[in-house]
Amino acid sequence: MPLIKKDLTFPALVRLIRGYAINGSRLAEILGCSVPTAIKKMEEPKRFTLEDIYSLSITGGIPLNEIKQALR
């Protein structure tokens, strides 16, 4: 079976979140969702909503300027 590469839309955002030591369970606490949902959002960053981004900034402690740069 051939290897299929996943094409991350926003890889810099995932690197930024992991750089702040936020894993699936911590992300679930920040976003107020279940752990499997948080893991799916990390695998496919297109699933993040604006409310999720705001929660990452306020509750997660990631500066909004860094999030904006990761989304460019």
C-alpha atoms as a PDB file:
ATOM      1  CA  MET A   1       0.000   0.000   0.000  1.00  0.00           C
ATOM      2  CA  PRO A   2       1.482   3.384  -0.960  1.00  0.00           C
ATOM      3  CA  LEU A   3       2.332   5.998   1.616  1.00  0.00           C
ATOM      4  CA  ILE A   4      -0.136   8.853   1.651  1.00  0.00           C
ATOM      5  CA  LYS A   5       1.206  12.099   3.047  1.00  0.00           C
ATOM      6  CA  LYS A   6      -1.148  14.264   5.035  1.00  0.00           C
ATOM      7  CA  ASP A   7      -1.194  17.825   3.841  1.00  0.00           C
ATOM      8  CA  LEU A   8      -1.436  20.045   6.896  1.00  0.00           C
ATOM      9  CA  THR A   9      -3.025  23.365   6.064  1.00  0.00           C
ATOM     10  CA  PHE A  10      -1.527  25.235   9.005  1.00  0.00           C
ATOM     11  CA  PRO A  11       1.550  23.285  10.159  1.00  0.00           C
ATOM     12  CA  ALA A  12       2.998  26.334  11.905  1.00  0.00           C
ATOM     13  CA  LEU A  13      -0.070  26.534  14.152  1.00  0.00           C
ATOM     14  CA  VAL A  14       0.351  22.924  15.261  1.00  0.00           C
ATOM     15  CA  ARG A  15       4.070  23.514  15.913  1.00  0.00           C
ATOM     16  CA  LEU A  16       3.216  26.609  17.945  1.00  0.00           C
ATOM     17  CA  ILE A  17       0.672  24.752  20.072  1.00  0.00           C
ATOM     18  CA  ARG A  18       3.067  21.868  20.689  1.00  0.00           C
ATOM     19  CA  GLY A  19       5.835  24.358  21.450  1.00  0.00           C
ATOM     20  CA  TYR A  20       3.792  25.617  24.387  1.00  0.00           C
ATOM     21  CA  ALA A  21       3.629  22.011  25.690  1.00  0.00           C
ATOM     22  CA  ILE A  22      -0.069  21.663  24.907  1.00  0.00           C
ATOM     23  CA  ASN A  23      -1.010  18.055  24.180  1.00  0.00           C
ATOM     24  CA  GLY A  24      -4.410  16.519  23.444  1.00  0.00           C
ATOM     25  CA  SER A  25      -5.689  16.416  27.020  1.00  0.00           C
ATOM     26  CA  ARG A  26      -4.492  19.944  27.821  1.00  0.00           C
ATOM     27  CA  LEU A  27      -6.010  21.230  24.570  1.00  0.00           C
ATOM     28  CA  ALA A  28      -9.314  19.575  25.507  1.00  0.00           C
ATOM     29  CA  GLU A  29      -9.282  21.470  28.818  1.00  0.00           C
ATOM     30  CA  ILE A  30      -8.543  24.760  27.058  1.00  0.00           C
ATOM     31  CA  LEU A  31     -11.203  24.331  24.378  1.00  0.00           C
ATOM     32  CA  GLY A  32     -13.801  22.702  26.599  1.00  0.00           C
ATOM     33  CA  CYS A  33     -14.214  19.658  24.390  1.00  0.00           C
ATOM     34  CA  SER A  34     -13.433  15.950  24.582  1.00  0.00           C
ATOM     35  CA  VAL A  35      -9.909  14.597  24.178  1.00  0.00           C
ATOM     36  CA  PRO A  36     -10.645  12.797  20.861  1.00  0.00           C
ATOM     37  CA  THR A  37     -12.076  16.026  19.418  1.00  0.00           C
ATOM     38  CA  ALA A  38      -8.998  17.975  20.526  1.00  0.00           C
ATOM     39  CA  ILE A  39      -6.707  15.379  18.953  1.00  0.00           C
ATOM     40  CA  LYS A  40      -8.668  15.558  15.680  1.00  0.00           C
ATOM     41  CA  LYS A  41      -8.290  19.330  15.689  1.00  0.00           C
ATOM     42  CA  MET A  42      -4.526  18.946  16.129  1.00  0.00           C
ATOM     43  CA  GLU A  43      -4.421  16.494  13.214  1.00  0.00           C
ATOM     44  CA  GLU A  44      -6.536  18.770  10.998  1.00  0.00           C
ATOM     45  CA  PRO A  45      -6.009  22.420  12.000  1.00  0.00           C
ATOM     46  CA  LYS A  46      -8.792  23.504   9.605  1.00  0.00           C
ATOM     47  CA  ARG A  47     -11.220  22.330  12.300  1.00  0.00           C
ATOM     48  CA  PHE A  48     -10.184  25.140  14.683  1.00  0.00           C
ATOM     49  CA  THR A  49     -12.844  27.816  14.984  1.00  0.00           C
ATOM     50  CA  LEU A  50     -12.286  31.457  15.860  1.00  0.00           C
ATOM     51  CA  GLU A  51     -13.569  30.686  19.338  1.00  0.00           C
ATOM     52  CA  ASP A  52     -10.927  27.949  19.651  1.00  0.00           C
ATOM     53  CA  ILE A  53      -8.197  30.384  18.591  1.00  0.00           C
ATOM     54  CA  TYR A  54      -9.439  32.908  21.142  1.00  0.00           C
ATOM     55  CA  SER A  55      -9.430  30.217  23.853  1.00  0.00           C
ATOM     56  CA  LEU A  56      -5.872  29.273  22.942  1.00  0.00           C
ATOM     57  CA  SER A  57      -4.865  32.868  23.449  1.00  0.00           C
ATOM     58  CA  ILE A  58      -6.758  33.588  26.671  1.00  0.00           C
ATOM     59  CA  THR A  59      -6.763  30.233  28.488  1.00  0.00           C
ATOM     60  CA  GLY A  60      -3.799  28.573  26.800  1.00  0.00           C
ATOM     61  CA  GLY A  61      -1.456  31.500  27.285  1.00  0.00           C
ATOM     62  CA  ILE A  62      -0.330  31.740  23.673  1.00  0.00           C
ATOM     63  CA  PRO A  63       0.043  35.389  22.606  1.00  0.00           C
ATOM     64  CA  LEU A  64      -2.409  36.350  19.884  1.00  0.00           C
ATOM     65  CA  ASN A  65       0.375  37.887  17.768  1.00  0.00           C
ATOM     66  CA  GLU A  66       2.157  34.524  17.596  1.00  0.00           C
ATOM     67  CA  ILE A  67      -1.068  32.791  16.581  1.00  0.00           C
ATOM     68  CA  LYS A  68      -1.622  35.365  13.815  1.00  0.00           C
ATOM     69  CA  GLN A  69       1.889  34.811  12.479  1.00  0.00           C
ATOM     70  CA  ALA A  70       1.396  31.040  12.503  1.00  0.00           C
ATOM     71  CA  LEU A  71      -1.757  31.401  10.421  1.00  0.00           C
ATOM     72  CA  ARG A  72      -0.055  33.381   7.630  1.00  0.00           C
END
